[in-house]
Amino acid sequence: MVALAKIVAVIVVFVGLFQAGMATNPPDAAGLTPLRVTPMRTGVATWYGPGFYGKHTACGQLYSIRTRGVANNHYRCDTKLTIKVGGRVVRVKVIDTGGFSHEFDLSARTAMDLCRCWKPYTMKVRWRRGW
């Protein structure tokens, strides 16, 4: 009976690890599980700002010049994204819907963090979901 309980426990642990993705991504020799990194995608982004300051975004956040985030039509509110332009990288959340003719509308703060630009600007960005 005890042996059967041990076998059942091992099966339960294995099923739990498999569902968590660890059985298909086994630990290396040091016992560390390698990270799964989502590949970077490429797209076009612009930034938006002055006409929207003081208003609430589609995700309910008050938008200001200091707000860091992006507008996107494909990801849900609060989805974490890593965005890269050249050597600069920012980690932001989706705070609004938008980006109708391109991938993202960056908040003014996010655009400043990426390119130090204030005039209307379209930039090529690389991004991935997650931080």
C-alpha atoms as a PDB file:
ATOM      1  CA  MET A   1       0.000   0.000   0.000  1.00  0.00           C
ATOM      2  CA  VAL A   2       2.858   2.363   0.889  1.00  0.00           C
ATOM      3  CA  ALA A   3       4.643   1.551  -2.385  1.00  0.00           C
ATOM      4  CA  LEU A   4       1.478   2.355  -4.341  1.00  0.00           C
ATOM      5  CA  ALA A   5       1.154   5.701  -2.535  1.00  0.00           C
ATOM      6  CA  LYS A   6       4.776   6.537  -3.446  1.00  0.00           C
ATOM      7  CA  ILE A   7       4.165   5.683  -7.107  1.00  0.00           C
ATOM      8  CA  VAL A   8       1.035   7.829  -7.192  1.00  0.00           C
ATOM      9  CA  ALA A   9       2.953  10.709  -5.558  1.00  0.00           C
ATOM     10  CA  VAL A  10       5.716  10.478  -8.178  1.00  0.00           C
ATOM     11  CA  ILE A  11       3.150  10.475 -10.988  1.00  0.00           C
ATOM     12  CA  VAL A  12       1.380  13.506  -9.499  1.00  0.00           C
ATOM     13  CA  VAL A  13       4.683  15.406  -9.230  1.00  0.00           C
ATOM     14  CA  PHE A  14       5.643  14.489 -12.787  1.00  0.00           C
ATOM     15  CA  VAL A  15       2.256  15.601 -14.149  1.00  0.00           C
ATOM     16  CA  GLY A  16       2.565  18.882 -12.243  1.00  0.00           C
ATOM     17  CA  LEU A  17       6.065  19.487 -13.646  1.00  0.00           C
ATOM     18  CA  PHE A  18       4.910  18.623 -17.147  1.00  0.00           C
ATOM     19  CA  GLN A  19       2.001  21.062 -16.919  1.00  0.00           C
ATOM     20  CA  ALA A  20       4.369  23.759 -15.640  1.00  0.00           C
ATOM     21  CA  GLY A  21       6.645  23.123 -18.626  1.00  0.00           C
ATOM     22  CA  MET A  22       9.582  21.844 -16.606  1.00  0.00           C
ATOM     23  CA  ALA A  23       9.429  18.272 -17.895  1.00  0.00           C
ATOM     24  CA  THR A  24       9.946  19.506 -21.467  1.00  0.00           C
ATOM     25  CA  ASN A  25      12.625  21.971 -20.327  1.00  0.00           C
ATOM     26  CA  PRO A  26      14.755  19.847 -17.940  1.00  0.00           C
ATOM     27  CA  PRO A  27      17.336  21.343 -15.591  1.00  0.00           C
ATOM     28  CA  ASP A  28      20.907  21.579 -16.854  1.00  0.00           C
ATOM     29  CA  ALA A  29      23.939  20.004 -15.114  1.00  0.00           C
ATOM     30  CA  ALA A  30      24.006  22.769 -12.477  1.00  0.00           C
ATOM     31  CA  GLY A  31      20.369  22.076 -11.606  1.00  0.00           C
ATOM     32  CA  LEU A  32      19.093  25.342 -13.112  1.00  0.00           C
ATOM     33  CA  THR A  33      16.148  25.383 -15.474  1.00  0.00           C
ATOM     34  CA  PRO A  34      16.983  27.371 -18.623  1.00  0.00           C
ATOM     35  CA  LEU A  35      14.776  30.393 -19.312  1.00  0.00           C
ATOM     36  CA  ARG A  36      12.480  30.404 -22.287  1.00  0.00           C
ATOM     37  CA  VAL A  37      13.069  33.683 -24.071  1.00  0.00           C
ATOM     38  CA  THR A  38      10.463  34.886 -26.520  1.00  0.00           C
ATOM     39  CA  PRO A  39      12.080  36.003 -29.777  1.00  0.00           C
ATOM     40  CA  MET A  40      12.012  39.714 -30.592  1.00  0.00           C
ATOM     41  CA  ARG A  41       9.570  40.872 -33.256  1.00  0.00           C
ATOM     42  CA  THR A  42       9.908  43.952 -35.452  1.00  0.00           C
ATOM     43  CA  GLY A  43       7.315  46.649 -36.095  1.00  0.00           C
ATOM     44  CA  VAL A  44       6.624  50.369 -36.373  1.00  0.00           C
ATOM     45  CA  ALA A  45       5.707  52.681 -33.511  1.00  0.00           C
ATOM     46  CA  THR A  46       4.790  56.333 -33.092  1.00  0.00           C
ATOM     47  CA  TRP A  47       4.158  58.306 -29.936  1.00  0.00           C
ATOM     48  CA  TYR A  48       1.107  60.186 -28.749  1.00  0.00           C
ATOM     49  CA  GLY A  49       0.635  62.760 -26.076  1.00  0.00           C
ATOM     50  CA  PRO A  50      -0.559  66.354 -25.742  1.00  0.00           C
ATOM     51  CA  GLY A  51      -4.190  65.906 -26.850  1.00  0.00           C
ATOM     52  CA  PHE A  52      -4.680  63.069 -24.379  1.00  0.00           C
ATOM     53  CA  TYR A  53      -3.107  64.451 -21.180  1.00  0.00           C
ATOM     54  CA  GLY A  54      -5.558  64.508 -18.274  1.00  0.00           C
ATOM     55  CA  LYS A  55      -7.813  61.841 -19.826  1.00  0.00           C
ATOM     56  CA  HIS A  56      -8.203  58.209 -18.839  1.00  0.00           C
ATOM     57  CA  THR A  57      -6.841  55.453 -21.064  1.00  0.00           C
ATOM     58  CA  ALA A  58      -8.894  52.462 -22.167  1.00  0.00           C
ATOM     59  CA  CYS A  59      -7.278  50.559 -19.282  1.00  0.00           C
ATOM     60  CA  GLY A  60      -8.455  53.155 -16.746  1.00  0.00           C
ATOM     61  CA  GLN A  61      -5.140  54.893 -16.071  1.00  0.00           C
ATOM     62  CA  LEU A  62      -4.917  58.700 -15.963  1.00  0.00           C
ATOM     63  CA  TYR A  63      -2.670  59.702 -18.875  1.00  0.00           C
ATOM     64  CA  SER A  64      -0.033  62.389 -18.326  1.00  0.00           C
ATOM     65  CA  ILE A  65       3.348  63.415 -19.706  1.00  0.00           C
ATOM     66  CA  ARG A  66       4.961  61.182 -17.060  1.00  0.00           C
ATOM     67  CA  THR A  67       2.964  58.051 -17.917  1.00  0.00           C
ATOM     68  CA  ARG A  68       5.065  55.170 -19.186  1.00  0.00           C
ATOM     69  CA  GLY A  69       3.303  52.612 -21.381  1.00  0.00           C
ATOM     70  CA  VAL A  70       2.032  51.749 -24.847  1.00  0.00           C
ATOM     71  CA  ALA A  71      -1.235  51.557 -26.729  1.00  0.00           C
ATOM     72  CA  ASN A  72      -1.831  48.378 -28.707  1.00  0.00           C
ATOM     73  CA  ASN A  73      -4.831  46.647 -30.255  1.00  0.00           C
ATOM     74  CA  HIS A  74      -3.588  43.072 -29.918  1.00  0.00           C
ATOM     75  CA  TYR A  75      -2.534  42.744 -26.283  1.00  0.00           C
ATOM     76  CA  ARG A  76      -4.735  43.095 -23.200  1.00  0.00           C
ATOM     77  CA  CYS A  77      -4.359  45.827 -20.590  1.00  0.00           C
ATOM     78  CA  ASP A  78      -1.368  45.348 -18.265  1.00  0.00           C
ATOM     79  CA  THR A  79       0.424  42.980 -20.659  1.00  0.00           C
ATOM     80  CA  LYS A  80       4.146  43.364 -20.017  1.00  0.00           C
ATOM     81  CA  LEU A  81       6.304  44.186 -23.046  1.00  0.00           C
ATOM     82  CA  THR A  82      10.005  44.743 -23.632  1.00  0.00           C
ATOM     83  CA  ILE A  83      10.613  47.292 -26.392  1.00  0.00           C
ATOM     84  CA  LYS A  84      13.988  48.036 -27.956  1.00  0.00           C
ATOM     85  CA  VAL A  85      15.204  50.804 -30.285  1.00  0.00           C
ATOM     86  CA  GLY A  86      18.896  50.689 -31.117  1.00  0.00           C
ATOM     87  CA  GLY A  87      20.683  50.090 -27.836  1.00  0.00           C
ATOM     88  CA  ARG A  88      17.884  51.428 -25.619  1.00  0.00           C
ATOM     89  CA  VAL A  89      15.442  49.067 -23.931  1.00  0.00           C
ATOM     90  CA  VAL A  90      12.291  49.845 -21.919  1.00  0.00           C
ATOM     91  CA  ARG A  91       9.948  47.542 -20.077  1.00  0.00           C
ATOM     92  CA  VAL A  92       6.377  48.808 -20.149  1.00  0.00           C
ATOM     93  CA  LYS A  93       2.779  47.681 -19.847  1.00  0.00           C
ATOM     94  CA  VAL A  94      -0.074  48.070 -22.300  1.00  0.00           C
ATOM     95  CA  ILE A  95      -2.137  50.990 -20.940  1.00  0.00           C
ATOM     96  CA  ASP A  96      -4.410  51.857 -23.868  1.00  0.00           C
ATOM     97  CA  THR A  97      -5.827  50.645 -27.178  1.00  0.00           C
ATOM     98  CA  GLY A  98      -4.419  52.081 -30.378  1.00  0.00           C
ATOM     99  CA  GLY A  99      -1.733  51.704 -32.975  1.00  0.00           C
ATOM    100  CA  PHE A 100      -4.254  51.433 -35.780  1.00  0.00           C
ATOM    101  CA  SER A 101      -1.853  51.781 -38.738  1.00  0.00           C
ATOM    102  CA  HIS A 102       1.203  50.483 -36.895  1.00  0.00           C
ATOM    103  CA  GLU A 103       2.106  48.173 -34.027  1.00  0.00           C
ATOM    104  CA  PHE A 104       2.327  50.580 -31.077  1.00  0.00           C
ATOM    105  CA  ASP A 105       1.542  54.089 -29.933  1.00  0.00           C
ATOM    106  CA  LEU A 106       4.150  54.890 -27.299  1.00  0.00           C
ATOM    107  CA  SER A 107       3.435  57.282 -24.469  1.00  0.00           C
ATOM    108  CA  ALA A 108       5.545  60.450 -24.599  1.00  0.00           C
ATOM    109  CA  ARG A 109       7.623  59.236 -21.638  1.00  0.00           C
ATOM    110  CA  THR A 110       8.289  55.882 -23.292  1.00  0.00           C
ATOM    111  CA  ALA A 111       9.261  57.580 -26.564  1.00  0.00           C
ATOM    112  CA  MET A 112      11.664  59.860 -24.686  1.00  0.00           C
ATOM    113  CA  ASP A 113      13.216  56.860 -22.944  1.00  0.00           C
ATOM    114  CA  LEU A 114      13.742  55.148 -26.313  1.00  0.00           C
ATOM    115  CA  CYS A 115      14.773  57.905 -28.691  1.00  0.00           C
ATOM    116  CA  ARG A 116      14.903  61.330 -26.963  1.00  0.00           C
ATOM    117  CA  CYS A 117      12.554  62.775 -29.603  1.00  0.00           C
ATOM    118  CA  TRP A 118       9.755  65.329 -29.177  1.00  0.00           C
ATOM    119  CA  LYS A 119       8.578  65.952 -32.721  1.00  0.00           C
ATOM    120  CA  PRO A 120       6.144  63.581 -34.468  1.00  0.00           C
ATOM    121  CA  TYR A 121       8.228  60.554 -35.172  1.00  0.00           C
ATOM    122  CA  THR A 122       7.805  57.060 -36.532  1.00  0.00           C
ATOM    123  CA  MET A 123      10.392  54.556 -35.420  1.00  0.00           C
ATOM    124  CA  LYS A 124      11.212  50.943 -36.084  1.00  0.00           C
ATOM    125  CA  VAL A 125      11.053  48.962 -32.843  1.00  0.00           C
ATOM    126  CA  ARG A 126      11.796  45.446 -31.724  1.00  0.00           C
ATOM    127  CA  TRP A 127       9.628  43.975 -29.008  1.00  0.00           C
ATOM    128  CA  ARG A 128       8.674  40.845 -27.179  1.00  0.00           C
ATOM    129  CA  ARG A 129       6.005  39.942 -24.707  1.00  0.00           C
ATOM    130  CA  GLY A 130       7.236  39.757 -21.138  1.00  0.00           C
ATOM    131  CA  TRP A 131      10.146  41.254 -19.240  1.00  0.00           C
END
